[in-house]
N, C-alpha and C. Protein backbone atom coordinates (compact mmCIF):
# COMPACT_ATOMS: atom_id res chain seq x y z
N UNK A 1 14.02 -0.38 -67.43
CA UNK A 1 13.74 -1.51 -66.58
C UNK A 1 15.05 -2.27 -66.35
N UNK A 2 15.29 -2.78 -65.13
CA UNK A 2 16.53 -3.51 -64.83
C UNK A 2 16.66 -4.77 -65.67
N UNK A 3 17.90 -5.13 -65.97
CA UNK A 3 18.17 -6.37 -66.71
C UNK A 3 18.23 -7.55 -65.73
N UNK A 4 17.97 -8.74 -66.24
CA UNK A 4 17.95 -9.94 -65.40
C UNK A 4 19.21 -10.76 -65.60
N UNK A 5 20.32 -10.34 -65.05
CA UNK A 5 21.56 -11.09 -65.16
C UNK A 5 21.79 -11.87 -63.87
N UNK A 6 21.67 -13.19 -63.94
CA UNK A 6 21.90 -14.09 -62.80
C UNK A 6 21.13 -13.66 -61.56
N UNK A 7 19.99 -13.13 -61.75
CA UNK A 7 19.13 -12.75 -60.64
C UNK A 7 17.78 -13.37 -60.87
N UNK A 8 16.95 -13.32 -59.89
CA UNK A 8 15.61 -13.89 -60.07
C UNK A 8 14.57 -12.83 -59.75
N UNK A 9 13.41 -12.98 -60.33
CA UNK A 9 12.30 -12.09 -60.01
C UNK A 9 11.64 -12.61 -58.75
N UNK A 10 11.28 -11.71 -57.93
CA UNK A 10 10.56 -12.03 -56.70
C UNK A 10 9.17 -11.45 -56.83
N UNK A 11 8.18 -12.30 -56.87
CA UNK A 11 6.81 -11.82 -56.78
C UNK A 11 6.56 -11.70 -55.29
N UNK A 12 6.43 -10.52 -54.84
CA UNK A 12 6.60 -10.22 -53.44
C UNK A 12 5.42 -10.57 -52.55
N UNK A 13 5.28 -11.83 -52.30
CA UNK A 13 4.39 -12.29 -51.23
C UNK A 13 5.26 -13.16 -50.34
N UNK A 14 5.44 -12.74 -49.12
CA UNK A 14 6.28 -13.46 -48.18
C UNK A 14 5.38 -14.24 -47.24
N UNK A 15 5.68 -15.51 -47.03
CA UNK A 15 4.89 -16.33 -46.12
C UNK A 15 5.70 -16.63 -44.87
N UNK A 16 5.07 -16.45 -43.72
CA UNK A 16 5.70 -16.74 -42.45
C UNK A 16 4.99 -17.92 -41.80
N UNK A 17 5.75 -18.97 -41.44
CA UNK A 17 5.12 -20.06 -40.70
C UNK A 17 4.86 -19.60 -39.27
N UNK A 18 3.70 -19.91 -38.75
CA UNK A 18 3.33 -19.56 -37.39
C UNK A 18 2.92 -20.81 -36.64
N UNK A 19 3.29 -20.92 -35.39
CA UNK A 19 2.88 -22.04 -34.55
C UNK A 19 1.92 -21.49 -33.50
N UNK A 20 0.80 -22.15 -33.38
CA UNK A 20 -0.18 -21.77 -32.37
C UNK A 20 -0.59 -23.00 -31.59
N UNK A 21 -1.39 -22.82 -30.57
CA UNK A 21 -1.91 -23.96 -29.81
C UNK A 21 -2.86 -24.80 -30.65
N UNK A 22 -3.35 -24.22 -31.74
CA UNK A 22 -4.30 -24.90 -32.61
C UNK A 22 -3.62 -25.49 -33.83
N UNK A 23 -2.30 -25.60 -33.83
CA UNK A 23 -1.57 -26.16 -34.97
C UNK A 23 -0.80 -25.09 -35.73
N UNK A 24 -0.24 -25.52 -36.83
CA UNK A 24 0.58 -24.61 -37.64
C UNK A 24 -0.31 -23.79 -38.56
N UNK A 25 0.16 -22.62 -38.88
CA UNK A 25 -0.55 -21.72 -39.77
C UNK A 25 0.48 -20.88 -40.52
N UNK A 26 0.06 -20.18 -41.54
CA UNK A 26 0.96 -19.26 -42.23
C UNK A 26 0.27 -17.91 -42.35
N UNK A 27 1.08 -16.89 -42.47
CA UNK A 27 0.57 -15.54 -42.69
C UNK A 27 1.24 -15.02 -43.95
N UNK A 28 0.44 -14.52 -44.89
CA UNK A 28 0.99 -13.95 -46.12
C UNK A 28 1.05 -12.44 -45.99
N UNK A 29 2.17 -11.88 -46.43
CA UNK A 29 2.35 -10.43 -46.40
C UNK A 29 2.72 -9.98 -47.81
N UNK A 30 1.94 -9.07 -48.36
CA UNK A 30 2.27 -8.52 -49.67
C UNK A 30 3.30 -7.41 -49.50
N UNK A 31 4.36 -7.47 -50.30
CA UNK A 31 5.39 -6.44 -50.28
C UNK A 31 5.24 -5.62 -51.55
N UNK A 32 5.15 -4.30 -51.38
CA UNK A 32 4.99 -3.43 -52.53
C UNK A 32 6.04 -2.32 -52.48
N UNK A 33 6.42 -1.87 -53.67
CA UNK A 33 7.38 -0.78 -53.79
C UNK A 33 6.79 0.48 -53.15
N UNK A 34 7.58 1.17 -52.32
CA UNK A 34 7.11 2.40 -51.68
C UNK A 34 6.87 3.50 -52.71
N UNK A 35 7.61 3.45 -53.80
CA UNK A 35 7.55 4.53 -54.79
C UNK A 35 6.38 4.36 -55.77
N UNK A 36 6.20 3.15 -56.33
CA UNK A 36 5.20 2.98 -57.41
C UNK A 36 4.11 1.95 -57.09
N UNK A 37 4.27 1.15 -56.03
CA UNK A 37 3.25 0.18 -55.66
C UNK A 37 3.37 -1.17 -56.34
N UNK A 38 4.39 -1.37 -57.19
CA UNK A 38 4.58 -2.65 -57.88
C UNK A 38 4.92 -3.74 -56.87
N UNK A 39 4.57 -5.00 -57.23
CA UNK A 39 4.91 -6.13 -56.37
C UNK A 39 5.91 -7.05 -57.05
N UNK A 40 6.63 -6.56 -58.03
CA UNK A 40 7.64 -7.36 -58.73
C UNK A 40 9.02 -6.73 -58.50
N UNK A 41 9.95 -7.58 -58.06
CA UNK A 41 11.27 -7.10 -57.71
C UNK A 41 12.34 -8.00 -58.31
N UNK A 42 13.52 -7.45 -58.49
CA UNK A 42 14.68 -8.20 -58.93
C UNK A 42 15.65 -8.25 -57.75
N UNK A 43 16.17 -9.46 -57.48
CA UNK A 43 17.08 -9.60 -56.35
C UNK A 43 18.01 -10.77 -56.59
N UNK A 44 19.15 -10.80 -55.88
CA UNK A 44 20.07 -11.94 -56.02
C UNK A 44 19.39 -13.23 -55.57
N UNK A 45 19.86 -14.35 -56.11
CA UNK A 45 19.24 -15.64 -55.75
C UNK A 45 19.51 -16.03 -54.30
N UNK A 46 20.60 -15.56 -53.72
CA UNK A 46 20.90 -15.83 -52.30
C UNK A 46 21.19 -14.50 -51.60
N UNK A 47 20.14 -13.75 -51.28
CA UNK A 47 20.35 -12.41 -50.72
C UNK A 47 20.85 -12.45 -49.28
N UNK A 48 21.56 -11.39 -48.90
CA UNK A 48 21.90 -11.16 -47.50
C UNK A 48 21.35 -9.77 -47.15
N UNK A 49 21.52 -9.34 -45.93
CA UNK A 49 20.91 -8.07 -45.49
C UNK A 49 21.34 -6.87 -46.30
N UNK A 50 22.53 -6.88 -46.86
CA UNK A 50 23.01 -5.72 -47.62
C UNK A 50 22.76 -5.85 -49.13
N UNK A 51 22.16 -6.95 -49.57
CA UNK A 51 21.86 -7.14 -51.00
C UNK A 51 20.86 -6.09 -51.48
N UNK A 52 21.05 -5.63 -52.69
CA UNK A 52 20.15 -4.64 -53.28
C UNK A 52 18.98 -5.34 -53.95
N UNK A 53 17.77 -4.85 -53.68
CA UNK A 53 16.55 -5.34 -54.30
C UNK A 53 16.01 -4.18 -55.14
N UNK A 54 15.73 -4.46 -56.42
CA UNK A 54 15.31 -3.41 -57.35
C UNK A 54 13.88 -3.64 -57.81
N UNK A 55 13.08 -2.59 -57.78
CA UNK A 55 11.71 -2.67 -58.26
C UNK A 55 11.73 -2.93 -59.77
N UNK A 56 10.94 -3.90 -60.22
CA UNK A 56 10.89 -4.25 -61.62
C UNK A 56 10.16 -3.23 -62.48
N UNK A 57 9.42 -2.33 -61.86
CA UNK A 57 8.67 -1.33 -62.62
C UNK A 57 9.38 0.02 -62.68
N UNK A 58 9.75 0.57 -61.52
CA UNK A 58 10.30 1.93 -61.51
C UNK A 58 11.81 1.97 -61.27
N UNK A 59 12.41 0.84 -60.86
CA UNK A 59 13.85 0.81 -60.65
C UNK A 59 14.31 1.27 -59.28
N UNK A 60 13.38 1.56 -58.37
CA UNK A 60 13.75 1.97 -57.01
C UNK A 60 14.56 0.84 -56.35
N UNK A 61 15.54 1.22 -55.53
CA UNK A 61 16.43 0.24 -54.90
C UNK A 61 16.33 0.34 -53.38
N UNK A 62 16.28 -0.82 -52.73
CA UNK A 62 16.27 -0.91 -51.27
C UNK A 62 17.08 -2.13 -50.90
N UNK A 63 17.57 -2.18 -49.66
CA UNK A 63 18.32 -3.37 -49.24
C UNK A 63 17.35 -4.45 -48.78
N UNK A 64 17.77 -5.69 -48.96
CA UNK A 64 16.99 -6.85 -48.55
C UNK A 64 16.71 -6.78 -47.05
N UNK A 65 17.71 -6.40 -46.26
CA UNK A 65 17.55 -6.31 -44.81
C UNK A 65 16.47 -5.33 -44.41
N UNK A 66 16.43 -4.15 -45.06
CA UNK A 66 15.40 -3.16 -44.75
C UNK A 66 14.01 -3.66 -45.12
N UNK A 67 13.91 -4.36 -46.25
CA UNK A 67 12.62 -4.90 -46.66
C UNK A 67 12.14 -5.96 -45.67
N UNK A 68 13.03 -6.87 -45.26
CA UNK A 68 12.64 -7.92 -44.33
C UNK A 68 12.29 -7.35 -42.95
N UNK A 69 12.95 -6.27 -42.54
CA UNK A 69 12.60 -5.62 -41.28
C UNK A 69 11.20 -5.04 -41.37
N UNK A 70 10.89 -4.40 -42.49
CA UNK A 70 9.55 -3.83 -42.69
C UNK A 70 8.49 -4.93 -42.70
N UNK A 71 8.81 -6.05 -43.32
CA UNK A 71 7.88 -7.19 -43.35
C UNK A 71 7.67 -7.72 -41.93
N UNK A 72 8.74 -7.88 -41.18
CA UNK A 72 8.63 -8.34 -39.79
C UNK A 72 7.81 -7.40 -38.94
N UNK A 73 8.00 -6.09 -39.13
CA UNK A 73 7.21 -5.10 -38.39
C UNK A 73 5.73 -5.20 -38.75
N UNK A 74 5.44 -5.42 -40.02
CA UNK A 74 4.05 -5.55 -40.49
C UNK A 74 3.40 -6.80 -39.89
N UNK A 75 4.13 -7.91 -39.89
CA UNK A 75 3.60 -9.16 -39.31
C UNK A 75 3.33 -8.96 -37.82
N UNK A 76 4.25 -8.34 -37.10
CA UNK A 76 4.07 -8.09 -35.67
C UNK A 76 2.84 -7.22 -35.42
N UNK A 77 2.68 -6.18 -36.21
CA UNK A 77 1.53 -5.29 -36.09
C UNK A 77 0.22 -6.03 -36.34
N UNK A 78 0.20 -6.83 -37.40
CA UNK A 78 -1.01 -7.60 -37.73
C UNK A 78 -1.34 -8.61 -36.65
N UNK A 79 -0.33 -9.30 -36.11
CA UNK A 79 -0.58 -10.28 -35.04
C UNK A 79 -1.12 -9.61 -33.78
N UNK A 80 -0.57 -8.45 -33.43
CA UNK A 80 -1.06 -7.73 -32.25
C UNK A 80 -2.52 -7.34 -32.44
N UNK A 81 -2.86 -6.88 -33.65
CA UNK A 81 -4.23 -6.48 -33.94
C UNK A 81 -5.16 -7.69 -33.83
N UNK A 82 -4.75 -8.83 -34.39
CA UNK A 82 -5.57 -10.04 -34.35
C UNK A 82 -5.75 -10.54 -32.92
N UNK A 83 -4.67 -10.51 -32.14
CA UNK A 83 -4.76 -10.95 -30.74
C UNK A 83 -5.68 -10.02 -29.94
N UNK A 84 -5.60 -8.75 -30.21
CA UNK A 84 -6.46 -7.79 -29.53
C UNK A 84 -7.93 -8.06 -29.79
N UNK A 85 -8.26 -8.47 -31.01
CA UNK A 85 -9.65 -8.79 -31.35
C UNK A 85 -10.11 -10.06 -30.66
N UNK A 86 -9.19 -11.02 -30.45
CA UNK A 86 -9.56 -12.29 -29.83
C UNK A 86 -9.95 -12.13 -28.37
N UNK A 87 -9.36 -11.15 -27.68
CA UNK A 87 -9.56 -11.02 -26.25
C UNK A 87 -10.44 -9.83 -25.88
N UNK A 88 -11.32 -9.40 -26.79
CA UNK A 88 -12.25 -8.32 -26.46
C UNK A 88 -13.48 -8.87 -25.82
């Protein structure tokens, strides 16, 4: 298991603020390791796109930028699905 030297654990639930005509809202997205499914990660306290994020269970490594892109894609997909249901 990775050591925790000047890094913080990230319990991977990312919240996105959303603005709608009906006021503000948030959307929660669970982030899980592609390899083992864990939701606990180790990452620098001030990450940038090239920062390495390590799974706390299996040690798999991914960049912060790739994870945030995947999260953004998931949010976009979910919003499109929700909007599609509203206008049926």
